[in-house]
Amino acid sequence: MLFFVFHPYTNNIAHVLLNVTGNNYWVWKFALSVAFLSVLCFVKERKSNWVVLNMYDFLF
């Protein structure tokens, strides 16, 4: 479920980052998007109380 919700956002971030650097190849966009999703899943698993996650909990 998390992939379906956050994939459009991570894909847009990857698209913007790679267009700024001049790399417009779709495989790099996909790989960067999956990397961002992996980080989000790692944070979600680490912080099981995802609903009331505030900035202090995210940083520490």
Protein backbone atom coordinates (compact mmCIF):
# COMPACT_ATOMS: atom_id res chain seq x y z
CA MET A 1 0.00 0.00 0.00
CA LEU A 2 2.82 2.40 0.84
CA PHE A 3 4.32 1.97 -2.64
CA PHE A 4 1.06 2.88 -4.37
CA VAL A 5 0.59 6.00 -2.26
CA PHE A 6 4.11 7.41 -2.36
CA HIS A 7 5.33 6.25 -5.78
CA PRO A 8 3.98 9.28 -7.71
CA TYR A 9 5.71 11.64 -5.28
CA THR A 10 9.03 9.84 -5.30
CA ASN A 11 8.85 9.53 -9.08
CA ASN A 12 8.32 13.29 -9.45
CA ILE A 13 11.22 14.03 -7.10
CA ALA A 14 13.47 11.68 -9.06
CA HIS A 15 12.34 13.26 -12.33
CA VAL A 16 13.14 16.79 -11.14
CA LEU A 17 16.51 15.81 -9.64
CA LEU A 18 17.64 14.00 -12.77
CA ASN A 19 16.43 16.74 -15.11
CA VAL A 20 18.44 19.30 -13.14
CA THR A 21 21.56 17.18 -13.54
CA GLY A 22 20.88 16.63 -17.25
CA ASN A 23 20.25 12.89 -16.91
CA ASN A 24 16.92 12.14 -18.57
CA TYR A 25 17.14 8.35 -18.85
CA TRP A 26 14.08 6.49 -17.52
CA VAL A 27 16.05 3.67 -15.86
CA TRP A 28 17.85 6.17 -13.61
CA LYS A 29 14.51 7.78 -12.70
CA PHE A 30 13.07 4.39 -11.80
CA ALA A 31 16.12 3.40 -9.74
CA LEU A 32 16.12 6.69 -7.82
CA SER A 33 12.38 6.44 -7.22
CA VAL A 34 12.76 2.91 -5.83
CA ALA A 35 15.63 4.10 -3.65
CA PHE A 36 13.42 6.84 -2.20
CA LEU A 37 10.64 4.31 -1.60
CA SER A 38 13.10 2.00 0.15
CA VAL A 39 14.11 4.80 2.50
CA LEU A 40 10.44 5.53 3.26
CA CYS A 41 9.76 1.86 3.99
CA PHE A 42 12.82 1.70 6.24
CA VAL A 43 11.61 4.73 8.22
CA LYS A 44 8.10 3.27 8.43
CA GLU A 45 9.41 -0.04 9.77
CA ARG A 46 11.65 1.74 12.25
CA LYS A 47 8.87 4.02 13.46
CA SER A 48 5.81 1.80 13.73
CA ASN A 49 3.60 4.66 14.96
CA TRP A 50 3.45 6.26 11.49
CA VAL A 51 0.25 8.25 12.12
CA VAL A 52 1.54 10.46 14.92
CA LEU A 53 5.10 10.77 13.67
CA ASN A 54 6.38 14.25 14.36
CA MET A 55 9.65 15.87 13.26
CA TYR A 56 11.44 15.13 16.55
CA ASP A 57 10.64 11.41 16.28
CA PHE A 58 11.73 11.38 12.64
CA LEU A 59 15.14 12.86 13.42
CA PHE A 60 15.91 10.82 16.55
